Structure formats: structure tokens, C-alpha cells
Protein backbone atom coordinates (compact mmCIF):
# COMPACT_ATOMS: atom_id res chain seq x y z
CA UNK A 1 -12.13 -3.25 2.70
CA UNK A 2 -14.29 -0.33 1.67
CA UNK A 3 -15.81 0.08 -1.77
CA UNK A 4 -15.79 3.80 -2.52
CA UNK A 5 -16.23 6.18 -5.43
CA UNK A 6 -19.03 4.04 -6.77
CA UNK A 7 -21.24 5.63 -9.36
CA UNK A 8 -24.55 6.67 -7.78
CA UNK A 9 -27.58 4.82 -9.16
CA UNK A 10 -25.41 2.09 -10.72
CA UNK A 11 -25.31 -1.09 -8.69
CA UNK A 12 -23.65 -3.25 -11.38
CA UNK A 13 -20.10 -2.28 -10.38
CA UNK A 14 -20.89 -2.81 -6.70
CA UNK A 15 -22.29 -6.27 -7.35
CA UNK A 16 -19.31 -7.26 -9.50
CA UNK A 17 -16.80 -5.96 -6.94
CA UNK A 18 -18.55 -7.81 -4.10
CA UNK A 19 -18.55 -11.05 -6.08
CA UNK A 20 -14.81 -10.79 -6.82
CA UNK A 21 -13.81 -9.81 -3.29
CA UNK A 22 -16.01 -12.45 -1.66
CA UNK A 23 -14.46 -15.11 -3.91
CA UNK A 24 -10.95 -14.26 -2.61
CA UNK A 25 -12.34 -14.15 0.29
CA UNK A 26 -11.83 -10.58 1.41
CA UNK A 27 -14.07 -8.88 3.91
CA UNK A 28 -15.92 -5.93 2.43
CA UNK A 29 -17.73 -3.26 4.41
CA UNK A 30 -21.49 -3.43 4.07
CA UNK A 31 -21.53 0.30 3.31
CA UNK A 32 -20.58 1.78 -0.05
CA UNK A 33 -19.45 5.39 -0.41
CA UNK A 34 -20.69 6.76 -3.69
CA UNK A 35 -19.04 9.47 -5.76
CA UNK A 36 -20.89 12.61 -4.71
CA UNK A 37 -19.52 16.11 -5.30
CA UNK A 38 -19.96 16.99 -1.63
CA UNK A 39 -17.15 14.58 -0.70
CA UNK A 40 -14.72 16.33 -3.03
CA UNK A 41 -15.88 19.86 -2.21
CA UNK A 42 -15.86 19.32 1.53
CA UNK A 43 -12.40 17.76 1.43
CA UNK A 44 -11.00 20.85 -0.30
CA UNK A 45 -12.29 22.95 2.61
CA UNK A 46 -11.10 20.55 5.30
CA UNK A 47 -14.67 19.56 6.15
CA UNK A 48 -16.81 16.46 5.92
CA UNK A 49 -20.00 15.77 4.02
CA UNK A 50 -21.85 15.94 7.34
CA UNK A 51 -20.60 19.49 7.92
CA UNK A 52 -21.35 20.80 4.43
CA UNK A 53 -24.60 18.98 3.70
CA UNK A 54 -25.78 17.24 6.87
CA UNK A 55 -29.00 15.97 5.30
CA UNK A 56 -27.40 14.63 2.11
CA UNK A 57 -27.18 11.02 1.01
CA UNK A 58 -23.38 11.35 1.19
CA UNK A 59 -23.59 12.33 4.86
CA UNK A 60 -25.92 9.40 5.54
CA UNK A 61 -23.44 7.01 3.91
CA UNK A 62 -20.61 8.28 6.12
CA UNK A 63 -22.83 7.89 9.18
CA UNK A 64 -23.60 4.31 8.14
CA UNK A 65 -19.91 3.64 7.58
CA UNK A 66 -19.09 4.92 11.07
CA UNK A 67 -21.81 2.74 12.59
CA UNK A 68 -20.50 -0.30 10.73
CA UNK A 69 -16.89 0.40 11.70
CA UNK A 70 -17.82 1.01 15.35
CA UNK A 71 -19.67 -2.28 15.47
CA UNK A 72 -16.75 -4.10 13.83
CA UNK A 73 -14.31 -2.65 16.33
CA UNK A 74 -16.82 -2.94 19.15
CA UNK A 75 -16.15 0.68 20.01
CA UNK A 76 -17.37 1.53 23.44
CA UNK A 77 -17.37 -2.11 24.54
CA UNK A 78 -15.80 -2.75 27.91
CA UNK A 79 -13.02 -5.31 27.73
CA UNK A 80 -12.56 -7.64 30.69
CA UNK A 81 -9.52 -6.81 32.79
CA UNK A 82 -7.53 -9.58 34.38
CA UNK A 83 -5.45 -9.07 37.52
């Protein structure tokens, strides 16, 4: 599960959400996507935060999310093949 639209510079909601979801237990991504205007503005144009503002914090968060997701899915890992 991904926690998104978090208020930037406010960790209270993140901490509360993590505590609730971990008590269930429900796996939560280690990355949080915060509510930055670039997400909304880029979406309207069919772009990503990385394309509109590649050096922004929003773009860095998406990069971190991709890294986390790739590791979770073991993207690029070679699976053994059995004959």
C-alpha cells in the first residue's frame, strides 16, 4: 500500500497512518508521495513530475517509489528456468 497526498512538512499523519496499517498488519511502501502541485499540474498535461520538474522533491519521491517497487518485484532478476 502506498501513502500518498501527504501534507509536505507534516509527519504526524504519516506516523499515524503507519501505526494503524502496521497494526492490521498491512504492508506499506517505505516511500511517501507528498501533495505537491507538480503532480497535479503534470497529470493535466499527461506528463510526470520528472518531466516537468526533474530536480524537484516530487520527482525524487517518484524515483524512490520506483526503486522500492522494483526491489519488491525484483525487476530485472533472472528467474531460474526448469526443463
